[in-house]
N, C-alpha and C. Protein backbone atom coordinates (compact mmCIF):
# COMPACT_ATOMS: atom_id res chain seq x y z
N UNK A 1 213.90 -3.38 54.52
CA UNK A 1 212.64 -3.91 54.62
C UNK A 1 212.66 -5.44 55.09
N UNK A 2 211.82 -5.69 56.06
CA UNK A 2 211.82 -7.04 56.55
C UNK A 2 210.51 -7.81 56.11
N UNK A 3 210.42 -8.86 55.55
CA UNK A 3 209.17 -9.65 55.26
C UNK A 3 208.62 -10.24 56.48
N UNK A 4 207.39 -9.81 56.72
CA UNK A 4 206.84 -10.25 58.00
C UNK A 4 205.70 -11.38 57.73
N UNK A 5 205.45 -11.52 56.45
CA UNK A 5 204.44 -12.70 56.11
C UNK A 5 203.76 -12.37 54.78
N UNK A 6 202.74 -13.00 54.59
CA UNK A 6 201.89 -12.76 53.30
C UNK A 6 200.49 -12.60 53.69
N UNK A 7 199.66 -11.79 52.91
CA UNK A 7 198.30 -11.50 53.13
C UNK A 7 197.52 -12.15 51.98
N UNK A 8 196.43 -12.86 52.35
CA UNK A 8 195.62 -13.42 51.29
C UNK A 8 194.51 -12.45 50.79
N UNK A 9 194.19 -12.51 49.56
CA UNK A 9 193.29 -11.64 48.88
C UNK A 9 192.39 -12.55 48.08
N UNK A 10 191.03 -12.34 48.15
CA UNK A 10 190.12 -13.06 47.38
C UNK A 10 189.09 -12.26 46.62
N UNK A 11 189.19 -10.97 46.92
CA UNK A 11 188.22 -10.04 46.14
C UNK A 11 189.05 -9.08 45.20
N UNK A 12 190.37 -9.18 45.06
CA UNK A 12 191.06 -8.46 44.14
C UNK A 12 191.25 -6.98 44.59
N UNK A 13 191.19 -6.70 45.86
CA UNK A 13 191.41 -5.39 46.46
C UNK A 13 191.84 -5.62 47.90
N UNK A 14 192.64 -4.60 48.49
CA UNK A 14 193.10 -4.64 49.77
C UNK A 14 192.68 -3.34 50.44
N UNK A 15 192.28 -3.44 51.81
CA UNK A 15 191.83 -2.25 52.43
C UNK A 15 192.69 -2.14 53.79
N UNK A 16 193.02 -1.00 54.10
CA UNK A 16 193.75 -0.73 55.35
C UNK A 16 192.94 0.28 56.07
N UNK A 17 192.69 -0.12 57.43
CA UNK A 17 191.92 0.66 58.29
C UNK A 17 192.34 0.33 59.82
N UNK A 18 191.97 1.27 60.68
CA UNK A 18 192.03 0.84 62.13
C UNK A 18 191.04 -0.15 62.49
N UNK A 19 191.33 -1.27 63.01
CA UNK A 19 190.27 -2.22 63.32
C UNK A 19 189.18 -1.78 64.25
N UNK A 20 189.40 -0.81 65.02
CA UNK A 20 188.37 -0.31 65.97
C UNK A 20 187.10 0.33 65.12
N UNK A 21 187.31 0.65 63.76
CA UNK A 21 186.25 1.17 62.99
C UNK A 21 185.37 0.12 62.45
N UNK A 22 185.80 -1.19 62.36
CA UNK A 22 185.11 -2.16 61.46
C UNK A 22 183.69 -2.45 62.13
N UNK A 23 183.63 -2.61 63.43
CA UNK A 23 182.22 -2.97 64.02
C UNK A 23 181.45 -1.77 64.06
N UNK A 24 181.98 -0.68 64.46
CA UNK A 24 181.09 0.58 64.58
C UNK A 24 180.70 1.34 63.43
N UNK A 25 181.53 1.27 62.24
CA UNK A 25 181.32 2.05 61.02
C UNK A 25 181.11 1.34 59.77
N UNK A 26 181.28 -0.05 59.84
CA UNK A 26 181.17 -0.88 58.55
C UNK A 26 179.78 -0.84 58.21
N UNK A 27 179.41 -0.61 56.84
CA UNK A 27 178.04 -0.58 56.36
C UNK A 27 177.76 -1.83 55.68
N UNK A 28 177.17 -2.88 56.47
CA UNK A 28 176.86 -4.13 55.89
C UNK A 28 175.71 -4.03 54.82
N UNK A 29 174.84 -3.04 54.97
CA UNK A 29 173.67 -2.96 54.06
C UNK A 29 174.05 -2.51 52.67
N UNK A 30 175.20 -1.90 52.42
CA UNK A 30 175.59 -1.33 51.12
C UNK A 30 175.96 -2.48 50.21
N UNK A 31 175.23 -2.78 49.14
CA UNK A 31 175.58 -3.81 48.21
C UNK A 31 176.12 -3.18 47.00
N UNK A 32 177.07 -3.93 46.30
CA UNK A 32 177.78 -3.54 45.15
C UNK A 32 176.75 -3.56 43.98
N UNK A 33 176.65 -2.37 43.27
CA UNK A 33 175.55 -2.42 42.32
C UNK A 33 175.93 -2.20 40.82
N UNK A 34 176.96 -1.57 40.56
CA UNK A 34 177.35 -1.31 39.10
C UNK A 34 178.87 -1.26 38.85
N UNK A 35 179.18 -1.27 37.58
CA UNK A 35 180.70 -1.06 37.15
C UNK A 35 180.93 0.31 37.08
N UNK A 36 182.03 0.75 37.90
CA UNK A 36 182.36 2.09 37.96
C UNK A 36 183.71 2.32 37.02
N UNK A 37 184.13 1.45 36.24
CA UNK A 37 185.48 1.38 35.63
C UNK A 37 185.67 2.69 34.65
N UNK A 38 184.59 3.17 34.23
CA UNK A 38 184.75 4.37 33.32
C UNK A 38 184.75 5.66 34.13
N UNK A 39 184.65 5.66 35.38
CA UNK A 39 184.62 6.79 36.18
C UNK A 39 185.97 7.24 36.66
N UNK A 40 186.24 8.56 36.87
CA UNK A 40 187.52 9.09 37.39
C UNK A 40 187.38 8.96 38.93
N UNK A 41 186.19 9.14 39.55
CA UNK A 41 186.01 9.17 40.92
C UNK A 41 184.83 8.17 41.21
N UNK A 42 184.85 7.39 42.33
CA UNK A 42 183.72 6.54 42.64
C UNK A 42 182.50 7.26 42.99
N UNK A 43 181.41 6.65 42.69
CA UNK A 43 180.06 7.29 43.09
C UNK A 43 179.83 6.96 44.62
N UNK A 44 180.24 5.94 45.09
CA UNK A 44 180.15 5.63 46.50
C UNK A 44 181.36 5.42 47.15
N UNK A 45 181.72 6.15 48.28
CA UNK A 45 182.95 5.88 48.99
C UNK A 45 182.63 5.58 50.47
N UNK A 46 181.53 5.07 50.75
CA UNK A 46 181.20 4.78 52.13
C UNK A 46 182.03 3.61 52.57
N UNK A 47 182.21 3.35 53.84
CA UNK A 47 183.02 2.44 54.50
C UNK A 47 182.26 1.00 54.30
N UNK A 48 182.24 0.36 53.16
CA UNK A 48 181.52 -0.84 52.97
C UNK A 48 182.18 -1.54 51.80
N UNK A 49 181.79 -2.83 51.64
CA UNK A 49 182.20 -3.55 50.48
C UNK A 49 181.91 -2.85 49.12
N UNK A 50 180.67 -2.39 49.05
CA UNK A 50 180.29 -1.63 47.87
C UNK A 50 181.29 -0.38 47.54
N UNK A 51 181.51 0.34 48.65
CA UNK A 51 182.45 1.50 48.52
C UNK A 51 183.83 1.02 48.10
N UNK A 52 184.33 -0.11 48.58
CA UNK A 52 185.58 -0.61 48.22
C UNK A 52 185.57 -1.00 46.79
N UNK A 53 184.56 -1.66 46.32
CA UNK A 53 184.40 -2.16 44.86
C UNK A 53 184.47 -0.98 44.01
N UNK A 54 183.54 -0.08 44.23
CA UNK A 54 183.35 1.09 43.38
C UNK A 54 184.52 1.97 43.29
N UNK A 55 185.30 2.06 44.45
CA UNK A 55 186.52 2.84 44.47
C UNK A 55 187.66 2.22 43.70
N UNK A 56 187.80 0.83 43.73
CA UNK A 56 188.92 0.26 43.09
C UNK A 56 188.61 -0.02 41.56
N UNK A 57 187.36 0.16 41.13
CA UNK A 57 187.07 -0.12 39.77
C UNK A 57 187.09 1.18 38.97
N UNK A 58 187.50 2.29 39.65
CA UNK A 58 187.75 3.43 38.89
C UNK A 58 188.95 3.57 38.11
N UNK A 59 189.35 4.57 37.26
CA UNK A 59 190.55 4.68 36.61
C UNK A 59 191.72 4.73 37.53
N UNK A 60 191.51 5.43 38.83
CA UNK A 60 192.53 5.62 39.76
C UNK A 60 192.83 4.18 40.46
N UNK A 61 191.93 3.38 40.56
CA UNK A 61 191.96 1.98 41.21
C UNK A 61 192.29 2.05 42.73
N UNK A 62 192.16 3.30 43.40
CA UNK A 62 192.37 3.43 44.70
C UNK A 62 191.65 4.63 45.31
N UNK A 63 191.54 4.73 46.73
CA UNK A 63 190.94 5.82 47.20
C UNK A 63 190.65 5.75 48.62
N UNK A 64 190.02 6.74 49.22
CA UNK A 64 189.74 6.85 50.78
C UNK A 64 188.30 6.51 50.88
N UNK A 65 187.99 5.70 51.95
CA UNK A 65 186.62 5.34 52.21
C UNK A 65 186.13 6.03 53.50
N UNK A 66 184.85 6.28 53.55
CA UNK A 66 184.26 6.73 54.76
C UNK A 66 185.01 7.98 55.40
N UNK A 67 185.13 8.94 54.61
CA UNK A 67 185.64 10.24 55.01
C UNK A 67 187.04 10.00 55.85
N UNK A 68 187.91 9.15 55.36
CA UNK A 68 189.14 8.80 56.03
C UNK A 68 189.28 7.74 57.02
N UNK A 69 188.19 6.84 57.00
CA UNK A 69 188.24 5.71 57.97
C UNK A 69 189.19 4.62 57.35
N UNK A 70 189.20 4.47 56.11
CA UNK A 70 190.02 3.41 55.39
C UNK A 70 190.54 3.88 54.09
N UNK A 71 191.59 3.19 53.62
CA UNK A 71 192.09 3.27 52.27
C UNK A 71 191.92 2.04 51.65
N UNK A 72 191.66 2.06 50.30
CA UNK A 72 191.48 0.79 49.53
C UNK A 72 192.18 1.01 48.21
N UNK A 73 192.69 -0.22 47.67
CA UNK A 73 193.33 -0.13 46.29
C UNK A 73 193.18 -1.53 45.65
N UNK A 74 193.22 -1.47 44.23
CA UNK A 74 193.26 -2.84 43.59
C UNK A 74 194.57 -3.47 43.78
N UNK A 75 194.44 -4.90 43.66
CA UNK A 75 195.70 -5.62 44.09
C UNK A 75 196.49 -5.90 42.75
N UNK A 76 196.16 -5.22 41.64
CA UNK A 76 197.02 -5.45 40.35
C UNK A 76 196.51 -6.63 39.51
N UNK A 77 196.77 -7.91 40.11
CA UNK A 77 196.26 -9.03 39.45
C UNK A 77 195.20 -9.86 40.12
N UNK A 78 194.74 -9.33 41.23
CA UNK A 78 193.56 -9.85 41.88
C UNK A 78 193.82 -10.83 42.91
N UNK A 79 193.32 -11.92 42.93
CA UNK A 79 193.39 -12.98 43.95
C UNK A 79 194.76 -13.51 44.19
N UNK A 80 195.15 -13.84 45.37
CA UNK A 80 196.52 -14.38 45.55
C UNK A 80 196.99 -14.07 47.02
N UNK A 81 198.21 -14.50 47.22
CA UNK A 81 198.89 -14.17 48.46
C UNK A 81 200.01 -13.14 48.14
N UNK A 82 200.06 -12.05 48.95
CA UNK A 82 201.07 -11.00 48.64
C UNK A 82 201.97 -10.82 49.76
N UNK A 83 203.24 -10.54 49.47
CA UNK A 83 204.27 -10.34 50.57
C UNK A 83 203.97 -9.01 51.18
N UNK A 84 204.17 -9.07 52.55
CA UNK A 84 204.07 -7.80 53.44
C UNK A 84 205.37 -7.43 53.99
N UNK A 85 205.97 -6.27 53.85
CA UNK A 85 207.21 -5.90 54.39
C UNK A 85 207.02 -4.69 55.25
N UNK A 86 207.92 -4.60 56.29
CA UNK A 86 207.89 -3.55 57.27
C UNK A 86 209.33 -2.92 57.34
N UNK A 87 209.42 -1.66 57.34
CA UNK A 87 210.61 -0.97 57.50
C UNK A 87 210.54 -0.38 58.93
N UNK A 88 211.63 -0.47 59.61
CA UNK A 88 211.76 0.10 60.92
C UNK A 88 212.58 1.35 60.98
N UNK A 89 212.47 2.21 62.00
CA UNK A 89 213.27 3.34 62.26
C UNK A 89 213.34 3.66 63.74
N UNK A 90 214.42 4.15 64.27
CA UNK A 90 214.42 4.74 65.61
C UNK A 90 214.22 6.29 65.60
N UNK A 91 213.31 6.71 66.34
CA UNK A 91 212.87 8.15 66.32
C UNK A 91 213.00 8.78 67.74
N UNK A 92 213.81 9.67 67.98
CA UNK A 92 213.97 10.45 69.20
C UNK A 92 213.86 9.58 70.48
N UNK A 93 214.65 8.62 70.54
CA UNK A 93 214.68 7.62 71.72
C UNK A 93 213.37 6.87 71.92
N UNK A 94 212.65 6.64 70.95
CA UNK A 94 211.52 5.85 71.12
C UNK A 94 211.89 4.33 70.75
N UNK A 95 212.97 4.03 70.51
CA UNK A 95 213.57 2.76 70.11
C UNK A 95 212.91 2.38 68.79
N UNK A 96 212.78 1.05 68.38
CA UNK A 96 212.35 0.67 67.02
C UNK A 96 210.84 0.85 66.96
N UNK A 97 210.50 1.54 65.91
CA UNK A 97 209.03 1.66 65.49
C UNK A 97 208.85 1.27 64.04
N UNK A 98 207.63 1.08 63.69
CA UNK A 98 207.32 0.81 62.31
C UNK A 98 207.29 2.05 61.62
N UNK A 99 208.17 2.10 60.54
CA UNK A 99 208.10 3.41 59.77
C UNK A 99 207.25 3.39 58.52
N UNK A 100 207.20 2.10 57.91
CA UNK A 100 206.54 1.95 56.62
C UNK A 100 206.02 0.38 56.54
N UNK A 101 204.86 0.30 55.98
CA UNK A 101 204.33 -1.18 55.75
C UNK A 101 204.11 -1.11 54.26
N UNK A 102 204.55 -2.07 53.64
CA UNK A 102 204.57 -2.20 52.17
C UNK A 102 203.96 -3.58 51.75
N UNK A 103 202.86 -3.64 50.95
CA UNK A 103 202.29 -4.88 50.42
C UNK A 103 202.70 -4.90 48.96
N UNK A 104 203.45 -5.87 48.42
CA UNK A 104 203.84 -5.92 47.09
C UNK A 104 202.85 -6.63 46.21
N UNK A 105 202.15 -6.00 45.48
CA UNK A 105 201.05 -6.69 44.67
C UNK A 105 201.70 -7.15 43.28
N UNK A 106 202.54 -6.37 42.63
CA UNK A 106 203.33 -6.84 41.55
C UNK A 106 204.82 -6.72 41.64
N UNK A 107 205.45 -7.85 41.68
CA UNK A 107 206.93 -7.86 41.91
C UNK A 107 207.67 -7.48 40.62
N UNK A 108 208.88 -7.17 40.79
CA UNK A 108 209.82 -6.74 39.76
C UNK A 108 210.48 -8.00 39.21
N UNK A 109 210.31 -9.15 39.88
CA UNK A 109 211.00 -10.32 39.46
C UNK A 109 210.15 -11.13 38.45
N UNK A 110 210.87 -11.22 37.09
CA UNK A 110 210.13 -11.87 36.05
C UNK A 110 209.92 -13.34 36.36
N UNK A 111 210.65 -14.02 37.28
CA UNK A 111 210.53 -15.28 37.68
C UNK A 111 209.17 -15.64 38.32
N UNK A 112 208.53 -14.62 38.84
CA UNK A 112 207.39 -14.80 39.64
C UNK A 112 206.26 -15.45 38.92
N UNK A 113 206.29 -15.29 37.61
CA UNK A 113 205.23 -16.04 36.73
C UNK A 113 205.31 -17.62 36.82
N UNK A 114 206.45 -18.09 37.18
CA UNK A 114 206.65 -19.51 37.24
C UNK A 114 205.81 -20.07 38.58
N UNK A 115 205.54 -19.12 39.57
CA UNK A 115 204.75 -19.53 40.74
C UNK A 115 203.29 -19.67 40.36
N UNK A 116 202.77 -19.28 39.30
CA UNK A 116 201.34 -19.37 39.00
C UNK A 116 200.99 -20.80 38.64
N UNK A 117 200.05 -21.26 39.32
CA UNK A 117 199.58 -22.68 39.12
C UNK A 117 198.37 -22.60 38.21
N UNK A 118 198.41 -23.56 37.24
CA UNK A 118 197.25 -23.51 36.27
C UNK A 118 196.53 -24.91 36.44
N UNK A 119 195.17 -24.84 36.08
CA UNK A 119 194.27 -25.99 36.30
C UNK A 119 194.63 -27.04 35.21
N UNK A 120 194.89 -28.31 35.65
CA UNK A 120 195.05 -29.35 34.66
C UNK A 120 193.97 -29.66 33.83
N UNK A 121 192.68 -29.44 34.36
CA UNK A 121 191.39 -29.55 33.70
C UNK A 121 191.22 -28.71 32.50
N UNK A 122 191.42 -27.39 32.72
CA UNK A 122 190.98 -26.38 31.71
C UNK A 122 192.08 -25.40 31.43
N UNK A 123 193.12 -25.29 32.19
CA UNK A 123 194.21 -24.49 31.79
C UNK A 123 194.09 -23.05 32.56
N UNK A 124 193.04 -22.77 33.16
CA UNK A 124 192.81 -21.39 33.86
C UNK A 124 193.84 -21.37 34.95
N UNK A 125 194.08 -20.06 35.34
CA UNK A 125 194.91 -19.89 36.66
C UNK A 125 194.14 -20.28 37.85
N UNK A 126 194.70 -21.04 38.76
CA UNK A 126 194.12 -21.44 39.97
C UNK A 126 194.26 -20.22 41.04
N UNK A 127 193.34 -20.13 41.90
CA UNK A 127 193.53 -19.09 42.97
C UNK A 127 193.10 -19.70 44.29
N UNK A 128 193.48 -18.96 45.36
CA UNK A 128 193.11 -19.42 46.72
C UNK A 128 194.36 -19.39 47.59
N UNK A 129 194.06 -19.76 48.83
CA UNK A 129 195.20 -19.75 49.80
C UNK A 129 194.70 -20.62 51.06
N UNK A 130 195.53 -20.63 52.01
CA UNK A 130 195.29 -21.41 53.22
C UNK A 130 195.22 -22.97 52.84
N UNK A 131 194.15 -23.56 52.59
CA UNK A 131 194.01 -24.99 52.47
C UNK A 131 193.98 -25.57 51.02
N UNK A 132 194.29 -24.74 50.13
CA UNK A 132 194.27 -25.29 48.71
C UNK A 132 193.97 -24.15 47.65
N UNK A 133 193.77 -24.55 46.46
CA UNK A 133 193.47 -23.65 45.34
C UNK A 133 192.29 -24.21 44.59
N UNK A 134 191.63 -23.29 43.97
CA UNK A 134 190.31 -23.66 43.17
C UNK A 134 190.48 -22.93 41.75
N UNK A 135 189.99 -23.59 40.70
CA UNK A 135 189.89 -23.03 39.29
C UNK A 135 188.67 -22.27 39.22
N UNK A 136 188.67 -20.96 38.86
CA UNK A 136 187.45 -20.20 38.69
C UNK A 136 186.69 -20.64 37.44
N UNK A 137 187.29 -21.30 36.52
CA UNK A 137 186.56 -21.80 35.28
C UNK A 137 185.82 -23.00 35.57
N UNK A 138 186.45 -24.06 35.98
CA UNK A 138 185.73 -25.24 36.21
C UNK A 138 185.65 -25.71 37.63
N UNK A 139 186.05 -24.89 38.46
CA UNK A 139 185.91 -25.20 39.98
C UNK A 139 186.60 -26.35 40.50
N UNK A 140 187.58 -26.81 39.76
CA UNK A 140 188.47 -27.89 40.05
C UNK A 140 189.37 -27.56 41.22
N UNK A 141 189.28 -28.42 42.37
CA UNK A 141 190.02 -28.07 43.58
C UNK A 141 191.49 -28.72 43.47
N UNK A 142 192.54 -28.15 44.12
CA UNK A 142 193.90 -28.57 44.25
C UNK A 142 194.21 -28.58 45.66
N UNK A 143 194.13 -29.50 46.48
CA UNK A 143 194.43 -29.38 47.91
C UNK A 143 196.07 -29.38 48.05
N UNK A 144 196.57 -28.34 48.71
CA UNK A 144 198.04 -28.26 48.84
C UNK A 144 198.57 -29.35 49.79
N UNK A 145 197.72 -29.90 50.66
CA UNK A 145 198.18 -30.78 51.61
C UNK A 145 198.45 -32.24 51.03
N UNK A 146 198.03 -32.43 49.77
CA UNK A 146 198.14 -33.75 49.16
C UNK A 146 199.48 -33.90 48.66
């Protein structure tokens, strides 16, 4: 498996879909309405943010949206940057092709906990990516460029 980069998550869930469906099938009008954590199956599986939330808040923490348009799952610990790996294979003279894509939400390495940054103000875990981190408790910002 080859590390190809990291993907940022801010909602605590990851969705996989063909990008051609986003503009034509994404339901902007569907709003997240309730906690589905006690359900085996989500009440709403439409291809929307609400469908993604309700699907990942069930006991299964994952599912299919929009009758197969996308797949969604919880990211284990929520907000952060997660490594993305690709495995390649050669198949019947087609040269190198992507065999498998893996996003690692929870690593096996116990030292990963050392990478967690805590807020100096209140001690909560900082979250964010790209241009810095922010504390959810006191909204203290920590710019990575400094």
